Amino acid sequence: MITHLRLSSDEDIYYPFACEEWLCREAGEDRMPVPAVHLWRHERAFVLGLRDSRLPRAAEAMDWLEREEGYRVMVRNSGGAAVPLDLGVVNVTLVRRSAPGRLDMNGDFRLMAALLAETLEPYGVRFDTGEVSGSYCPGEYDLSIDGRKFCGLAQRRQLRAYAVQAFVNVEGDSAARAAVVREFYRRAGGVGGAAAAGAALDVRPAVMGSLTELQPDFPGADTWLGSLAAAFGEPSPLPAGAPSAIRDIAAGLRARYDPRES
């Protein structure tokens, strides 16, 4: 297990995603045991999906997030759409090798949902699976309680390995997070999601929730992170040379995917 339980707001938000690129490469070359779990949080970041970066005014909206709102902003190469991050959002990624000729994305999403269900069950959390209309980063495997989404899933696949990623809104004001996403889409692609490029989302803050909002006795992000870390075992330190390689990957991801770099 690799952990970055708290990344500073000054830390490059590309770094944890580059770490997962590196983990997939190592797993694909059979240089590390799998499955591996990556746990991390960031103090203040805004992660775009590829389709978000293609909106007509995406670059201007990204600049607004950085200059006016104080976010570290990136474009990820995995699936999914825009997601805001802070210390109330726990990111859980499962890295596995790909079996030759196997492609079962739905099965991989179900596996992650089952993993999260197992880790949340001791706290009495039960959730539904299915797309929540009006949520940010919507997908078939949204996790929700009473119709309000608290978690979304995405995948990043390489030739020999893949990562299933989950963002879990554990605590904090999810409606406020959703309002920032909605404003990003307004600035990037059109009011209310009516984008010229047809890809902006009509985000409705009321359909989002955090676990502590939806289940007030839930203990919060720090406690749940401790439970996750205990369940997955001792963290494995990165080998010598890996941090430098990961930062090189991060620089490459930015150069390739940030529309402001072109």
C-alpha atoms as a PDB file:
ATOM      1  CA  MET A   1       0.000   0.000   0.000  1.00  0.00           C
ATOM      2  CA  ILE A   2       1.255   3.484  -0.891  1.00  0.00           C
ATOM      3  CA  THR A   3      -0.150   6.350   1.151  1.00  0.00           C
ATOM      4  CA  HIS A   4      -0.178  10.116   0.799  1.00  0.00           C
ATOM      5  CA  LEU A   5      -2.678  10.797   3.522  1.00  0.00           C
ATOM      6  CA  ARG A   6      -2.253  14.553   3.314  1.00  0.00           C
ATOM      7  CA  LEU A   7      -0.785  16.551   0.461  1.00  0.00           C
ATOM      8  CA  SER A   8      -0.230  20.254   0.941  1.00  0.00           C
ATOM      9  CA  SER A   9      -2.139  22.706  -1.212  1.00  0.00           C
ATOM     10  CA  ASP A  10       1.318  23.626  -2.514  1.00  0.00           C
ATOM     11  CA  GLU A  11       1.921  20.056  -3.700  1.00  0.00           C
ATOM     12  CA  ASP A  12       1.478  19.408  -7.406  1.00  0.00           C
ATOM     13  CA  ILE A  13      -1.942  17.777  -7.816  1.00  0.00           C
ATOM     14  CA  TYR A  14      -0.508  15.853 -10.761  1.00  0.00           C
ATOM     15  CA  TYR A  15       1.760  13.987  -8.331  1.00  0.00           C
ATOM     16  CA  PRO A  16      -0.757  11.463  -6.879  1.00  0.00           C
ATOM     17  CA  PHE A  17      -2.072  10.670 -10.357  1.00  0.00           C
ATOM     18  CA  ALA A  18       1.479  10.291 -11.637  1.00  0.00           C
ATOM     19  CA  CYS A  19       2.131   7.977  -8.697  1.00  0.00           C
ATOM     20  CA  GLU A  20      -0.721   5.775  -9.920  1.00  0.00           C
ATOM     21  CA  GLU A  21       0.678   5.827 -13.443  1.00  0.00           C
ATOM     22  CA  TRP A  22       3.982   4.655 -11.967  1.00  0.00           C
ATOM     23  CA  LEU A  23       2.253   1.979  -9.847  1.00  0.00           C
ATOM     24  CA  CYS A  24       0.468   0.627 -12.929  1.00  0.00           C
ATOM     25  CA  ARG A  25       3.727   0.497 -14.875  1.00  0.00           C
ATOM     26  CA  GLU A  26       5.466  -1.335 -12.037  1.00  0.00           C
ATOM     27  CA  ALA A  27       2.554  -3.739 -11.612  1.00  0.00           C
ATOM     28  CA  GLY A  28       2.368  -4.380 -15.354  1.00  0.00           C
ATOM     29  CA  GLU A  29       6.059  -5.295 -15.421  1.00  0.00           C
ATOM     30  CA  ASP A  30       5.602  -7.568 -12.379  1.00  0.00           C
ATOM     31  CA  ARG A  31       7.950  -5.441 -10.266  1.00  0.00           C
ATOM     32  CA  MET A  32       5.560  -5.039  -7.327  1.00  0.00           C
ATOM     33  CA  PRO A  33       2.946  -7.132  -5.536  1.00  0.00           C
ATOM     34  CA  VAL A  34      -0.695  -6.584  -6.420  1.00  0.00           C
ATOM     35  CA  PRO A  35      -3.351  -5.690  -5.678  1.00  0.00           C
ATOM     36  CA  ALA A  36      -1.999  -2.400  -4.341  1.00  0.00           C
ATOM     37  CA  VAL A  37      -3.985   0.367  -2.709  1.00  0.00           C
ATOM     38  CA  HIS A  38      -3.162   4.075  -2.902  1.00  0.00           C
ATOM     39  CA  LEU A  39      -4.750   6.375  -0.302  1.00  0.00           C
ATOM     40  CA  TRP A  40      -4.430  10.140  -0.455  1.00  0.00           C
ATOM     41  CA  ARG A  41      -5.970  13.540   0.205  1.00  0.00           C
ATOM     42  CA  HIS A  42      -5.180  17.021  -1.048  1.00  0.00           C
ATOM     43  CA  GLU A  43      -5.892  20.263   0.803  1.00  0.00           C
ATOM     44  CA  ARG A  44      -7.404  22.132  -2.150  1.00  0.00           C
ATOM     45  CA  ALA A  45      -7.451  20.834  -5.711  1.00  0.00           C
ATOM     46  CA  PHE A  46      -9.775  20.704  -8.696  1.00  0.00           C
ATOM     47  CA  VAL A  47      -9.446  17.720 -11.027  1.00  0.00           C
ATOM     48  CA  LEU A  48     -10.884  17.928 -14.553  1.00  0.00           C
ATOM     49  CA  GLY A  49     -11.742  15.094 -16.887  1.00  0.00           C
ATOM     50  CA  LEU A  50     -10.536  15.038 -20.471  1.00  0.00           C
ATOM     51  CA  ARG A  51     -13.894  16.138 -21.843  1.00  0.00           C
ATOM     52  CA  ASP A  52     -13.934  19.084 -19.437  1.00  0.00           C
ATOM     53  CA  SER A  53     -10.592  20.280 -20.814  1.00  0.00           C
ATOM     54  CA  ARG A  54     -12.131  20.458 -24.307  1.00  0.00           C
ATOM     55  CA  LEU A  55     -14.876  22.893 -23.357  1.00  0.00           C
ATOM     56  CA  PRO A  56     -14.735  26.206 -25.261  1.00  0.00           C
ATOM     57  CA  ARG A  57     -13.424  28.293 -22.340  1.00  0.00           C
ATOM     58  CA  ALA A  58     -11.797  25.588 -20.237  1.00  0.00           C
ATOM     59  CA  ALA A  59      -8.444  27.370 -20.003  1.00  0.00           C
ATOM     60  CA  GLU A  60     -10.063  30.591 -18.766  1.00  0.00           C
ATOM     61  CA  ALA A  61     -12.125  28.679 -16.202  1.00  0.00           C
ATOM     62  CA  MET A  62      -9.015  26.850 -14.988  1.00  0.00           C
ATOM     63  CA  ASP A  63      -7.236  30.174 -14.551  1.00  0.00           C
ATOM     64  CA  TRP A  64     -10.212  31.458 -12.528  1.00  0.00           C
ATOM     65  CA  LEU A  65     -10.045  28.419 -10.226  1.00  0.00           C
ATOM     66  CA  GLU A  66      -6.352  29.028  -9.583  1.00  0.00           C
ATOM     67  CA  ARG A  67      -6.268  32.811  -9.296  1.00  0.00           C
ATOM     68  CA  GLU A  68      -9.591  33.532  -7.622  1.00  0.00           C
ATOM     69  CA  GLU A  69     -10.424  30.332  -5.752  1.00  0.00           C
ATOM     70  CA  GLY A  70      -6.974  29.083  -4.759  1.00  0.00           C
ATOM     71  CA  TYR A  71      -7.228  25.593  -6.260  1.00  0.00           C
ATOM     72  CA  ARG A  72      -4.420  23.506  -7.709  1.00  0.00           C
ATOM     73  CA  VAL A  73      -5.927  22.454 -11.067  1.00  0.00           C
ATOM     74  CA  MET A  74      -5.177  19.491 -13.316  1.00  0.00           C
ATOM     75  CA  VAL A  75      -6.602  17.357 -16.144  1.00  0.00           C
ATOM     76  CA  ARG A  76      -6.560  13.626 -15.471  1.00  0.00           C
ATOM     77  CA  ASN A  77      -6.188  10.936 -18.120  1.00  0.00           C
ATOM     78  CA  SER A  78      -8.596   8.539 -16.435  1.00  0.00           C
ATOM     79  CA  GLY A  79     -12.323   8.536 -17.027  1.00  0.00           C
ATOM     80  CA  GLY A  80     -14.786  10.799 -15.282  1.00  0.00           C
ATOM     81  CA  ALA A  81     -15.416  14.520 -15.094  1.00  0.00           C
ATOM     82  CA  ALA A  82     -14.643  17.444 -12.787  1.00  0.00           C
ATOM     83  CA  VAL A  83     -14.155  16.771  -9.056  1.00  0.00           C
ATOM     84  CA  PRO A  84     -13.116  19.241  -6.311  1.00  0.00           C
ATOM     85  CA  LEU A  85     -10.862  17.908  -3.555  1.00  0.00           C
ATOM     86  CA  ASP A  86     -10.096  18.973   0.005  1.00  0.00           C
ATOM     87  CA  LEU A  87      -9.183  17.199   3.230  1.00  0.00           C
ATOM     88  CA  GLY A  88     -12.770  15.979   3.632  1.00  0.00           C
ATOM     89  CA  VAL A  89     -12.453  13.968   0.410  1.00  0.00           C
ATOM     90  CA  VAL A  90     -10.612  10.643   0.613  1.00  0.00           C
ATOM     91  CA  ASN A  91      -9.221   9.169  -2.598  1.00  0.00           C
ATOM     92  CA  VAL A  92      -8.919   5.384  -2.773  1.00  0.00           C
ATOM     93  CA  THR A  93      -7.292   3.683  -5.765  1.00  0.00           C
ATOM     94  CA  LEU A  94      -6.974  -0.037  -6.374  1.00  0.00           C
ATOM     95  CA  VAL A  95      -4.171  -1.128  -8.743  1.00  0.00           C
ATOM     96  CA  ARG A  96      -4.269  -4.575 -10.344  1.00  0.00           C
ATOM     97  CA  ARG A  97      -2.674  -6.418 -13.241  1.00  0.00           C
ATOM     98  CA  SER A  98      -4.683  -7.013 -16.403  1.00  0.00           C
ATOM     99  CA  ALA A  99      -5.293 -10.595 -17.418  1.00  0.00           C
ATOM    100  CA  PRO A 100      -4.474 -11.223 -21.108  1.00  0.00           C
ATOM    101  CA  GLY A 101      -7.549 -10.603 -23.253  1.00  0.00           C
ATOM    102  CA  ARG A 102      -9.635  -9.504 -20.279  1.00  0.00           C
ATOM    103  CA  LEU A 103     -11.627  -6.274 -20.244  1.00  0.00           C
ATOM    104  CA  ASP A 104     -14.368  -6.134 -17.641  1.00  0.00           C
ATOM    105  CA  MET A 105     -14.760  -2.504 -16.648  1.00  0.00           C
ATOM    106  CA  ASN A 106     -18.130  -3.078 -14.990  1.00  0.00           C
ATOM    107  CA  GLY A 107     -16.707  -5.938 -12.967  1.00  0.00           C
ATOM    108  CA  ASP A 108     -13.816  -3.734 -11.855  1.00  0.00           C
ATOM    109  CA  PHE A 109     -16.229  -1.012 -10.758  1.00  0.00           C
ATOM    110  CA  ARG A 110     -18.269  -3.601  -8.851  1.00  0.00           C
ATOM    111  CA  LEU A 111     -15.086  -4.775  -7.140  1.00  0.00           C
ATOM    112  CA  MET A 112     -14.299  -1.256  -5.935  1.00  0.00           C
ATOM    113  CA  ALA A 113     -17.887  -0.725  -4.787  1.00  0.00           C
ATOM    114  CA  ALA A 114     -17.685  -3.982  -2.821  1.00  0.00           C
ATOM    115  CA  LEU A 115     -14.356  -2.930  -1.292  1.00  0.00           C
ATOM    116  CA  LEU A 116     -15.839   0.378  -0.161  1.00  0.00           C
ATOM    117  CA  ALA A 117     -18.947  -1.370   1.162  1.00  0.00           C
ATOM    118  CA  GLU A 118     -16.746  -3.632   3.275  1.00  0.00           C
ATOM    119  CA  THR A 119     -14.797  -0.722   4.748  1.00  0.00           C
ATOM    120  CA  LEU A 120     -17.949   1.327   5.456  1.00  0.00           C
ATOM    121  CA  GLU A 121     -20.071  -1.505   6.843  1.00  0.00           C
ATOM    122  CA  PRO A 122     -18.568  -1.312  10.371  1.00  0.00           C
ATOM    123  CA  TYR A 123     -19.971   2.237  10.586  1.00  0.00           C
ATOM    124  CA  GLY A 124     -23.461   1.154   9.541  1.00  0.00           C
ATOM    125  CA  VAL A 125     -23.238   2.713   6.071  1.00  0.00           C
ATOM    126  CA  ARG A 126     -25.400   1.161   3.355  1.00  0.00           C
ATOM    127  CA  PHE A 127     -25.468   2.697  -0.098  1.00  0.00           C
ATOM    128  CA  ASP A 128     -27.082   2.355  -3.516  1.00  0.00           C
ATOM    129  CA  THR A 129     -25.233   2.082  -6.825  1.00  0.00           C
ATOM    130  CA  GLY A 130     -26.370   3.835  -9.998  1.00  0.00           C
ATOM    131  CA  GLU A 131     -26.008   7.152 -11.774  1.00  0.00           C
ATOM    132  CA  VAL A 132     -27.263  10.163  -9.834  1.00  0.00           C
ATOM    133  CA  SER A 133     -28.639  12.709 -12.277  1.00  0.00           C
ATOM    134  CA  GLY A 134     -27.338  16.208 -11.653  1.00  0.00           C
ATOM    135  CA  SER A 135     -24.281  15.057  -9.720  1.00  0.00           C
ATOM    136  CA  TYR A 136     -20.760  16.062 -10.657  1.00  0.00           C
ATOM    137  CA  CYS A 137     -18.607  13.362 -12.259  1.00  0.00           C
ATOM    138  CA  PRO A 138     -21.706  11.213 -12.909  1.00  0.00           C
ATOM    139  CA  GLY A 139     -21.455   7.557 -13.815  1.00  0.00           C
ATOM    140  CA  GLU A 140     -23.239   4.229 -13.699  1.00  0.00           C
ATOM    141  CA  TYR A 141     -21.408   3.336 -10.488  1.00  0.00           C
ATOM    142  CA  ASP A 142     -22.141   6.428  -8.427  1.00  0.00           C
ATOM    143  CA  LEU A 143     -22.543   5.547  -4.755  1.00  0.00           C
ATOM    144  CA  SER A 144     -25.423   7.293  -2.995  1.00  0.00           C
ATOM    145  CA  ILE A 145     -27.559   7.337   0.141  1.00  0.00           C
ATOM    146  CA  ASP A 146     -31.207   8.379  -0.163  1.00  0.00           C
ATOM    147  CA  GLY A 147     -30.545   9.656  -3.691  1.00  0.00           C
ATOM    148  CA  ARG A 148     -27.585  11.873  -2.757  1.00  0.00           C
ATOM    149  CA  LYS A 149     -24.188  10.956  -4.170  1.00  0.00           C
ATOM    150  CA  PHE A 150     -21.127  10.770  -1.927  1.00  0.00           C
ATOM    151  CA  CYS A 151     -18.719   8.827  -4.126  1.00  0.00           C
ATOM    152  CA  GLY A 152     -17.769   8.478  -7.791  1.00  0.00           C
ATOM    153  CA  LEU A 153     -15.577   5.945  -9.575  1.00  0.00           C
ATOM    154  CA  ALA A 154     -13.238   6.156 -12.560  1.00  0.00           C
ATOM    155  CA  GLN A 155     -10.661   3.934 -14.257  1.00  0.00           C
ATOM    156  CA  ARG A 156      -7.248   4.343 -15.815  1.00  0.00           C
ATOM    157  CA  ARG A 157      -6.100   1.387 -17.923  1.00  0.00           C
ATOM    158  CA  GLN A 158      -2.655   0.559 -19.247  1.00  0.00           C
ATOM    159  CA  LEU A 159      -1.708  -2.438 -21.377  1.00  0.00           C
ATOM    160  CA  ARG A 160      -0.805  -4.752 -18.482  1.00  0.00           C
ATOM    161  CA  ALA A 161      -2.360  -3.090 -15.441  1.00  0.00           C
ATOM    162  CA  TYR A 162      -5.144  -0.742 -14.447  1.00  0.00           C
ATOM    163  CA  ALA A 163      -6.316   1.480 -11.607  1.00  0.00           C
ATOM    164  CA  VAL A 164      -9.848   1.890 -10.291  1.00  0.00           C
ATOM    165  CA  GLN A 165     -10.185   5.264  -8.583  1.00  0.00           C
ATOM    166  CA  ALA A 166     -12.788   6.425  -6.067  1.00  0.00           C
ATOM    167  CA  PHE A 167     -13.307   9.863  -4.578  1.00  0.00           C
ATOM    168  CA  VAL A 168     -15.279   9.648  -1.340  1.00  0.00           C
ATOM    169  CA  ASN A 169     -16.866  12.782   0.112  1.00  0.00           C
ATOM    170  CA  VAL A 170     -16.457  11.855   3.771  1.00  0.00           C
ATOM    171  CA  GLU A 171     -17.070  15.208   5.422  1.00  0.00           C
ATOM    172  CA  GLY A 172     -17.546  18.861   4.525  1.00  0.00           C
ATOM    173  CA  ASP A 173     -20.086  20.885   2.573  1.00  0.00           C
ATOM    174  CA  SER A 174     -20.799  18.909  -0.577  1.00  0.00           C
ATOM    175  CA  ALA A 175     -23.302  21.461  -1.883  1.00  0.00           C
ATOM    176  CA  ALA A 176     -20.557  24.109  -1.753  1.00  0.00           C
ATOM    177  CA  ARG A 177     -18.206  21.779  -3.657  1.00  0.00           C
ATOM    178  CA  ALA A 178     -20.900  21.178  -6.256  1.00  0.00           C
ATOM    179  CA  ALA A 179     -21.521  24.922  -6.592  1.00  0.00           C
ATOM    180  CA  VAL A 180     -17.855  25.425  -7.516  1.00  0.00           C
ATOM    181  CA  VAL A 181     -18.127  22.677 -10.144  1.00  0.00           C
ATOM    182  CA  ARG A 182     -21.282  24.265 -11.542  1.00  0.00           C
ATOM    183  CA  GLU A 183     -19.577  27.650 -11.756  1.00  0.00           C
ATOM    184  CA  PHE A 184     -16.594  26.060 -13.503  1.00  0.00           C
ATOM    185  CA  TYR A 185     -18.925  24.642 -16.158  1.00  0.00           C
ATOM    186  CA  ARG A 186     -20.714  27.984 -16.498  1.00  0.00           C
ATOM    187  CA  ARG A 187     -17.430  29.731 -17.148  1.00  0.00           C
ATOM    188  CA  ALA A 188     -15.976  26.954 -19.304  1.00  0.00           C
ATOM    189  CA  GLY A 189     -18.897  26.020 -21.442  1.00  0.00           C
ATOM    190  CA  GLY A 190     -22.189  27.776 -20.913  1.00  0.00           C
ATOM    191  CA  VAL A 191     -24.772  28.672 -18.289  1.00  0.00           C
ATOM    192  CA  GLY A 192     -26.539  25.709 -16.723  1.00  0.00           C
ATOM    193  CA  GLY A 193     -24.546  23.233 -18.756  1.00  0.00           C
ATOM    194  CA  ALA A 194     -25.710  24.374 -22.197  1.00  0.00           C
ATOM    195  CA  ALA A 195     -22.243  24.210 -23.712  1.00  0.00           C
ATOM    196  CA  ALA A 196     -21.369  24.866 -27.307  1.00  0.00           C
ATOM    197  CA  ALA A 197     -19.240  21.739 -27.206  1.00  0.00           C
ATOM    198  CA  GLY A 198     -22.140  19.765 -25.730  1.00  0.00           C
ATOM    199  CA  ALA A 199     -20.042  18.349 -22.889  1.00  0.00           C
ATOM    200  CA  ALA A 200     -20.640  20.582 -19.870  1.00  0.00           C
ATOM    201  CA  LEU A 201     -22.743  19.122 -17.089  1.00  0.00           C
ATOM    202  CA  ASP A 202     -25.797  20.637 -15.406  1.00  0.00           C
ATOM    203  CA  VAL A 203     -24.693  20.140 -11.804  1.00  0.00           C
ATOM    204  CA  ARG A 204     -27.329  20.390  -9.071  1.00  0.00           C
ATOM    205  CA  PRO A 205     -25.723  20.869  -5.646  1.00  0.00           C
ATOM    206  CA  ALA A 206     -28.697  19.390  -3.761  1.00  0.00           C
ATOM    207  CA  VAL A 207     -28.016  15.871  -5.084  1.00  0.00           C
ATOM    208  CA  MET A 208     -24.524  15.709  -3.581  1.00  0.00           C
ATOM    209  CA  GLY A 209     -23.719  14.755  -0.004  1.00  0.00           C
ATOM    210  CA  SER A 210     -20.889  13.765   2.290  1.00  0.00           C
ATOM    211  CA  LEU A 211     -21.031  10.776   4.609  1.00  0.00           C
ATOM    212  CA  THR A 212     -21.202  12.966   7.716  1.00  0.00           C
ATOM    213  CA  GLU A 213     -24.079  14.934   6.169  1.00  0.00           C
ATOM    214  CA  LEU A 214     -25.953  11.800   5.140  1.00  0.00           C
ATOM    215  CA  GLN A 215     -25.171   9.818   8.271  1.00  0.00           C
ATOM    216  CA  PRO A 216     -24.435  12.255  11.113  1.00  0.00           C
ATOM    217  CA  ASP A 217     -22.877   9.599  13.374  1.00  0.00           C
ATOM    218  CA  PHE A 218     -20.188   8.796  10.800  1.00  0.00           C
ATOM    219  CA  PRO A 219     -16.847   9.565  12.514  1.00  0.00           C
ATOM    220  CA  GLY A 220     -15.158  11.624   9.778  1.00  0.00           C
ATOM    221  CA  ALA A 221     -12.251  11.445   7.367  1.00  0.00           C
ATOM    222  CA  ASP A 222      -9.373  10.963   9.807  1.00  0.00           C
ATOM    223  CA  THR A 223     -11.025   8.037  11.578  1.00  0.00           C
ATOM    224  CA  TRP A 224     -12.082   6.323   8.369  1.00  0.00           C
ATOM    225  CA  LEU A 225      -8.628   6.789   6.871  1.00  0.00           C
ATOM    226  CA  GLY A 226      -7.170   5.119   9.943  1.00  0.00           C
ATOM    227  CA  SER A 227      -9.517   2.184   9.452  1.00  0.00           C
ATOM    228  CA  LEU A 228      -8.566   1.929   5.779  1.00  0.00           C
ATOM    229  CA  ALA A 229      -4.860   2.017   6.557  1.00  0.00           C
ATOM    230  CA  ALA A 230      -5.285  -0.699   9.193  1.00  0.00           C
ATOM    231  CA  ALA A 231      -7.320  -2.869   6.827  1.00  0.00           C
ATOM    232  CA  PHE A 232      -4.812  -2.653   3.973  1.00  0.00           C
ATOM    233  CA  GLY A 233      -1.686  -3.175   6.067  1.00  0.00           C
ATOM    234  CA  GLU A 234       1.523  -1.283   6.572  1.00  0.00           C
ATOM    235  CA  PRO A 235       2.373   1.365   3.972  1.00  0.00           C
ATOM    236  CA  SER A 236       5.124   0.392   1.551  1.00  0.00           C
ATOM    237  CA  PRO A 237       7.723   3.121   1.029  1.00  0.00           C
ATOM    238  CA  LEU A 238       8.549   4.122  -2.488  1.00  0.00           C
ATOM    239  CA  PRO A 239      11.863   2.672  -3.692  1.00  0.00           C
ATOM    240  CA  ALA A 240      14.837   4.931  -4.257  1.00  0.00           C
ATOM    241  CA  GLY A 241      14.459   6.852  -7.473  1.00  0.00           C
ATOM    242  CA  ALA A 242      10.673   6.481  -7.647  1.00  0.00           C
ATOM    243  CA  PRO A 243       9.780  10.021  -6.466  1.00  0.00           C
ATOM    244  CA  SER A 244      11.948  11.534  -9.197  1.00  0.00           C
ATOM    245  CA  ALA A 245      10.405   9.246 -11.826  1.00  0.00           C
ATOM    246  CA  ILE A 246       6.922  10.134 -10.586  1.00  0.00           C
ATOM    247  CA  ARG A 247       7.614  13.849 -10.835  1.00  0.00           C
ATOM    248  CA  ASP A 248       8.818  13.332 -14.397  1.00  0.00           C
ATOM    249  CA  ILE A 249       5.552  11.530 -15.165  1.00  0.00           C
ATOM    250  CA  ALA A 250       3.622  14.410 -13.553  1.00  0.00           C
ATOM    251  CA  ALA A 251       5.390  16.935 -15.761  1.00  0.00           C
ATOM    252  CA  GLY A 252       4.595  14.837 -18.811  1.00  0.00           C
ATOM    253  CA  LEU A 253       0.916  14.576 -17.885  1.00  0.00           C
ATOM    254  CA  ARG A 254       0.658  18.349 -17.485  1.00  0.00           C
ATOM    255  CA  ALA A 255       2.371  19.009 -20.811  1.00  0.00           C
ATOM    256  CA  ARG A 256       0.095  16.567 -22.599  1.00  0.00           C
ATOM    257  CA  TYR A 257      -3.304  17.267 -21.059  1.00  0.00           C
ATOM    258  CA  ASP A 258      -3.459  20.838 -19.727  1.00  0.00           C
ATOM    259  CA  PRO A 259      -5.014  22.945 -22.510  1.00  0.00           C
ATOM    260  CA  ARG A 260      -2.995  25.947 -21.366  1.00  0.00           C
ATOM    261  CA  GLU A 261       0.277  24.161 -22.164  1.00  0.00           C
ATOM    262  CA  SER A 262      -0.389  23.884 -25.892  1.00  0.00           C
END
